[in-house]
Amino acid sequence: MSRKHGRIKRRFAALADEVRAGLVTFITAGDPDPDISAAILRGLPGAGADIIELGMPFTDPMADGPAIQESSQRALAAGQTMRRTLAMVRDFRTHDDDTPIVLMGYYNPIHIYGVDSFAEDAANAGVDGLIIVDVPPEEDPELREPAARAGIDFIRLTTPTSDDERLPVLMRAASGFVYYVSITGITGAARGKTGAVGDAVARIKRHCELPVVVGFGIKTPEQAAEIAKVADGAVVGSALVLAVAEGLDAQGNALPGCAERVLELVAALASGVRGARKG
């Protein structure tokens, strides 16, 4: 497949034309098994996801809460590998060549794969961006530079503790969008207050021209709508992987309707986001 660069930029331009924020959804690749995970991934755009974050399963996801940790364990137990994750993206691109896909996770699996090979294979599969949570900007050139050569955006994480001295460092060489983690702590924890989040987004935008999306703790359409009023995107992850878990039997096998249950939640979240107008 030929590469198609710029999906993230085009998607945010389209959202700006619609005067609304986007819904960014996170699922873990291979959770709970390859077939159900692929069905969820294929269904996300139709349910209303504007950008997809696809988690790369890892044995020690230290920044993630129990829900995402357990989703990684389920995926790994079902045989998910980095090559299978890239194959999922490649298959998705046979159905959808427009929705941006961002791989999110940790550096270790990429290092084991081989950085240069990973960047090339990810770009050829149709990956648009990377969020690597355990690589600070001072140490990321060995991944960021091959990714940039392959046309993959390198997306920075910022937090409430990222002050005006740190933000310029974080924004240096950032591309795609900025992911603001609205709380300090692990994924799935309590969300940040909307007023404080709006102030933080405004402060980040003083240091860069990139769109800013906000995640951590968003679980309901109402919460997503609140964030959509003050940011360029609302990220929902833990709530979706919990919906996957709730669709499993006692042995961890998917019950009928597991994928549909997740996509129904995405549709409700999308309705909340699309009903909010940025002010």
Protein backbone atom coordinates (compact mmCIF):
# COMPACT_ATOMS: atom_id res chain seq x y z
CA MET A 1 0.00 0.00 0.00
CA SER A 2 1.27 3.47 -0.83
CA ARG A 3 1.75 5.79 2.08
CA LYS A 4 -0.77 8.56 2.65
CA HIS A 5 0.78 11.21 4.87
CA GLY A 6 -1.04 14.04 6.58
CA ARG A 7 -4.20 12.28 7.78
CA ILE A 8 -3.98 13.86 11.24
CA LYS A 9 -3.56 17.37 9.86
CA ARG A 10 -6.42 16.88 7.41
CA ARG A 11 -8.71 15.50 10.10
CA PHE A 12 -8.16 18.47 12.43
CA ALA A 13 -8.67 20.86 9.50
CA ALA A 14 -12.00 19.17 8.79
CA LEU A 15 -12.98 19.40 12.46
CA ALA A 16 -12.11 23.10 12.46
CA ASP A 17 -14.38 23.58 9.45
CA GLU A 18 -17.17 21.91 11.42
CA VAL A 19 -16.36 24.13 14.44
CA ARG A 20 -16.19 21.17 16.77
CA ALA A 21 -13.75 19.00 18.64
CA GLY A 22 -12.96 15.43 17.72
CA LEU A 23 -13.54 12.16 19.53
CA VAL A 24 -10.29 10.24 20.01
CA THR A 25 -10.84 6.62 21.00
CA PHE A 26 -8.33 4.20 22.52
CA ILE A 27 -8.49 0.42 22.32
CA THR A 28 -5.78 -2.16 22.92
CA ALA A 29 -4.76 -4.10 19.82
CA GLY A 30 -5.73 -7.75 20.13
CA ASP A 31 -8.06 -7.31 23.13
CA PRO A 32 -9.80 -9.62 23.92
CA ASP A 33 -8.79 -11.62 20.85
CA PRO A 34 -7.68 -10.78 17.29
CA ASP A 35 -11.10 -11.15 15.66
CA ILE A 36 -13.12 -9.07 18.13
CA SER A 37 -10.40 -6.44 18.31
CA ALA A 38 -10.33 -6.14 14.52
CA ALA A 39 -14.13 -5.86 14.43
CA ILE A 40 -14.06 -3.04 16.97
CA LEU A 41 -11.27 -1.25 15.11
CA ARG A 42 -13.13 -1.45 11.80
CA GLY A 43 -16.33 -0.20 13.42
CA LEU A 44 -14.90 2.80 15.24
CA PRO A 45 -15.12 5.38 12.42
CA GLY A 46 -18.73 4.48 11.66
CA ALA A 47 -19.58 4.82 15.35
CA GLY A 48 -18.15 8.33 15.39
CA ALA A 49 -14.45 8.09 16.25
CA ASP A 50 -12.50 10.87 14.53
CA ILE A 51 -9.03 9.59 15.48
CA ILE A 52 -8.07 6.14 16.75
CA GLU A 53 -5.37 5.41 19.30
CA LEU A 54 -4.36 1.76 19.11
CA GLY A 55 -2.53 0.47 22.16
CA MET A 56 0.56 -1.69 21.63
CA PRO A 57 0.28 -4.42 24.29
CA PHE A 58 3.18 -4.55 26.75
CA THR A 59 3.88 -6.66 29.79
CA ASP A 60 4.60 -3.70 32.09
CA PRO A 61 2.38 -0.72 31.17
CA MET A 62 3.48 1.38 34.14
CA ALA A 63 1.50 4.54 33.33
CA ASP A 64 -1.78 2.70 32.86
CA GLY A 65 -4.45 1.83 35.38
CA PRO A 66 -5.89 -1.64 36.00
CA ALA A 67 -8.34 -1.58 33.07
CA ILE A 68 -5.71 -0.98 30.39
CA GLN A 69 -3.15 -3.21 32.13
CA GLU A 70 -5.66 -6.05 32.04
CA SER A 71 -6.46 -5.36 28.39
CA SER A 72 -2.76 -5.70 27.55
CA GLN A 73 -2.59 -8.98 29.45
CA ARG A 74 -5.64 -10.32 27.59
CA ALA A 75 -4.18 -9.32 24.24
CA LEU A 76 -0.79 -10.85 24.95
CA ALA A 77 -2.41 -14.06 26.19
CA ALA A 78 -4.36 -14.20 22.92
CA GLY A 79 -1.10 -14.04 20.96
CA GLN A 80 -0.90 -10.35 20.04
CA THR A 81 2.52 -9.19 18.81
CA MET A 82 3.82 -5.99 17.26
CA ARG A 83 3.70 -7.59 13.82
CA ARG A 84 0.07 -8.54 14.38
CA THR A 85 -0.71 -5.00 15.52
CA LEU A 86 0.77 -3.58 12.33
CA ALA A 87 -1.17 -6.20 10.35
CA MET A 88 -4.37 -4.95 12.03
CA VAL A 89 -3.61 -1.44 10.79
CA ARG A 90 -2.84 -2.74 7.31
CA ASP A 91 -6.16 -4.58 7.21
CA PHE A 92 -8.01 -1.51 8.51
CA ARG A 93 -6.56 0.53 5.64
CA THR A 94 -8.23 -1.77 3.12
CA HIS A 95 -11.55 -0.47 4.47
CA ASP A 96 -10.65 3.07 5.57
CA ASP A 97 -7.83 5.17 4.15
CA ASP A 98 -8.79 8.43 5.88
CA THR A 99 -9.21 7.93 9.64
CA PRO A 100 -5.93 8.66 11.45
CA ILE A 101 -4.43 5.85 13.52
CA VAL A 102 -1.95 6.59 16.30
CA LEU A 103 -0.02 3.79 17.99
CA MET A 104 0.29 4.38 21.73
CA GLY A 105 2.44 2.55 24.23
CA TYR A 106 5.96 1.95 25.42
CA TYR A 107 9.37 1.94 23.82
CA ASN A 108 10.48 -1.59 24.72
CA PRO A 109 8.43 -3.45 22.06
CA ILE A 110 9.63 -0.98 19.40
CA HIS A 111 13.26 -1.38 20.50
CA ILE A 112 12.94 -5.16 20.29
CA TYR A 113 11.36 -4.91 16.83
CA GLY A 114 14.15 -2.59 15.63
CA VAL A 115 13.54 1.14 15.43
CA ASP A 116 14.26 1.71 11.75
CA SER A 117 12.35 -1.39 10.67
CA PHE A 118 9.45 -0.44 12.91
CA ALA A 119 9.20 3.09 11.49
CA GLU A 120 9.21 1.80 7.91
CA ASP A 121 6.78 -1.04 8.57
CA ALA A 122 4.42 1.17 10.59
CA ALA A 123 4.33 3.82 7.87
CA ASN A 124 3.76 1.22 5.17
CA ALA A 125 0.93 -0.30 7.21
CA GLY A 126 -0.80 3.08 7.45
CA VAL A 127 0.16 4.36 10.91
CA ASP A 128 -0.03 8.15 11.22
CA GLY A 129 1.39 8.93 14.65
CA LEU A 130 3.14 7.63 17.74
CA ILE A 131 2.59 8.35 21.43
CA ILE A 132 5.39 6.76 23.42
CA VAL A 133 4.76 7.42 27.07
CA ASP A 134 8.12 6.46 28.57
CA VAL A 135 10.53 8.35 26.28
CA PRO A 136 11.25 11.97 27.30
CA PRO A 137 12.17 14.47 24.55
CA GLU A 138 15.81 14.49 25.66
CA GLU A 139 16.06 10.80 24.74
CA ASP A 140 13.68 10.40 21.82
CA PRO A 141 15.74 11.26 18.68
CA GLU A 142 16.57 7.60 18.00
CA LEU A 143 12.84 6.95 17.49
CA ARG A 144 11.49 10.38 16.58
CA GLU A 145 13.90 10.94 13.70
CA PRO A 146 13.25 7.62 11.90
CA ALA A 147 9.52 8.17 12.46
CA ALA A 148 9.74 11.66 10.95
CA ARG A 149 11.62 10.32 7.92
CA ALA A 150 8.84 7.77 7.45
CA GLY A 151 6.18 10.49 7.68
CA ILE A 152 4.86 9.51 11.12
CA ASP A 153 3.89 12.26 13.55
CA PHE A 154 5.54 12.20 16.97
CA ILE A 155 2.94 13.28 19.51
CA ARG A 156 3.95 14.73 22.86
CA LEU A 157 2.29 14.21 26.21
CA THR A 158 1.93 17.12 28.61
CA THR A 159 0.59 17.12 32.17
CA PRO A 160 -0.54 19.63 34.81
CA THR A 161 3.08 19.68 36.04
CA SER A 162 4.43 20.77 32.62
CA ASP A 163 5.21 24.41 33.38
CA ASP A 164 6.13 27.27 31.05
CA GLU A 165 9.79 26.30 31.29
CA ARG A 166 9.16 22.67 30.38
CA LEU A 167 6.53 23.19 27.67
CA PRO A 168 8.93 24.64 25.04
CA VAL A 169 11.13 21.56 25.47
CA LEU A 170 8.13 19.25 25.06
CA MET A 171 6.86 21.14 22.01
CA ARG A 172 10.21 21.08 20.23
CA ALA A 173 9.86 18.76 17.21
CA ALA A 174 6.32 17.77 18.22
CA SER A 175 3.89 17.12 15.38
CA GLY A 176 0.34 15.95 14.77
CA PHE A 177 -1.26 17.12 17.99
CA VAL A 178 -0.50 17.52 21.69
CA TYR A 179 -2.02 15.12 24.20
CA TYR A 180 -2.78 16.83 27.51
CA VAL A 181 -3.04 14.38 30.39
CA SER A 182 -5.50 16.29 32.55
CA ILE A 183 -4.53 14.63 35.83
CA THR A 184 -1.39 13.39 37.50
CA GLY A 185 -1.51 9.66 37.96
CA ILE A 186 -2.52 6.58 35.99
CA THR A 187 -5.13 6.12 33.30
CA GLY A 188 -8.71 5.64 34.44
CA ALA A 189 -8.36 7.94 37.45
CA ALA A 190 -10.63 10.89 38.26
CA ARG A 191 -10.79 13.51 35.52
CA GLY A 192 -9.57 17.07 35.74
CA LYS A 193 -12.00 19.95 36.26
CA THR A 194 -13.13 21.56 33.03
CA GLY A 195 -12.15 25.10 33.97
CA ALA A 196 -8.62 24.08 34.87
CA VAL A 197 -8.40 22.00 31.70
CA GLY A 198 -9.42 24.97 29.58
CA ASP A 199 -6.75 27.13 31.21
CA ALA A 200 -4.15 24.41 30.61
CA VAL A 201 -5.10 24.06 26.94
CA ALA A 202 -4.78 27.82 26.47
CA ARG A 203 -1.36 27.78 28.13
CA ILE A 204 -0.14 24.94 25.90
CA LYS A 205 -1.33 26.82 22.82
CA ARG A 206 0.83 29.76 23.77
CA HIS A 207 3.80 27.47 23.11
CA CYS A 208 2.69 25.73 19.92
CA GLU A 209 0.22 25.88 17.04
CA LEU A 210 -0.77 22.22 17.19
CA PRO A 211 -4.25 20.99 18.17
CA VAL A 212 -4.56 19.93 21.82
CA VAL A 213 -6.56 16.88 22.84
CA VAL A 214 -7.39 16.02 26.44
CA GLY A 215 -7.57 12.61 28.04
CA PHE A 216 -7.62 10.61 31.29
CA GLY A 217 -10.84 10.15 33.24
CA ILE A 218 -13.40 10.86 30.50
CA LYS A 219 -16.07 8.17 30.74
CA THR A 220 -19.46 9.57 29.75
CA PRO A 221 -20.92 11.53 26.82
CA GLU A 222 -21.53 14.46 29.19
CA GLN A 223 -17.91 14.51 30.32
CA ALA A 224 -16.69 14.23 26.73
CA ALA A 225 -18.93 17.14 25.75
CA GLU A 226 -17.48 19.31 28.54
CA ILE A 227 -13.94 18.70 27.31
CA ALA A 228 -14.99 19.22 23.68
CA LYS A 229 -15.93 22.81 24.56
CA VAL A 230 -12.40 23.72 25.64
CA ALA A 231 -10.09 21.42 23.64
CA ASP A 232 -9.61 20.20 20.08
CA GLY A 233 -10.38 16.63 21.04
CA ALA A 234 -11.58 14.42 23.88
CA VAL A 235 -9.80 11.11 24.43
CA VAL A 236 -11.66 8.11 25.84
CA GLY A 237 -9.75 4.93 26.63
CA SER A 238 -10.35 3.20 29.95
CA ALA A 239 -14.13 3.34 29.55
CA LEU A 240 -13.85 1.51 26.22
CA VAL A 241 -11.52 -1.23 27.45
CA LEU A 242 -13.84 -1.68 30.44
CA ALA A 243 -16.71 -2.13 27.99
CA VAL A 244 -14.66 -4.86 26.31
CA ALA A 245 -14.07 -6.55 29.68
CA GLU A 246 -17.76 -6.39 30.51
CA GLY A 247 -18.48 -8.30 27.30
CA LEU A 248 -16.47 -11.36 28.34
CA ASP A 249 -17.47 -14.54 30.11
CA ALA A 250 -15.77 -15.94 33.22
CA GLN A 251 -13.09 -17.58 31.07
CA GLY A 252 -12.31 -14.32 29.27
CA ASN A 253 -14.00 -15.29 26.02
CA ALA A 254 -16.07 -12.73 24.15
CA LEU A 255 -19.81 -13.05 24.59
CA PRO A 256 -22.15 -12.35 21.65
CA GLY A 257 -22.42 -8.61 21.11
CA CYS A 258 -19.09 -7.72 22.73
CA ALA A 259 -17.89 -5.55 19.83
CA GLU A 260 -21.34 -4.00 19.37
CA ARG A 261 -21.42 -3.01 23.06
CA VAL A 262 -18.17 -1.08 22.68
CA LEU A 263 -19.29 0.61 19.48
CA GLU A 264 -22.59 1.66 21.06
CA LEU A 265 -20.63 3.45 23.78
CA VAL A 266 -18.48 5.13 21.13
CA ALA A 267 -21.61 6.32 19.34
CA ALA A 268 -22.96 7.83 22.56
CA LEU A 269 -19.64 9.55 23.25
CA ALA A 270 -19.52 10.86 19.69
CA SER A 271 -23.01 12.29 20.08
CA GLY A 272 -21.87 14.16 23.17
CA VAL A 273 -18.77 15.54 21.45
CA ARG A 274 -20.59 16.53 18.29
CA GLY A 275 -23.29 18.28 20.26
CA ALA A 276 -20.75 20.55 21.96
CA ARG A 277 -19.54 23.68 20.23
CA LYS A 278 -16.20 25.17 21.09
CA GLY A 279 -16.59 28.53 22.70
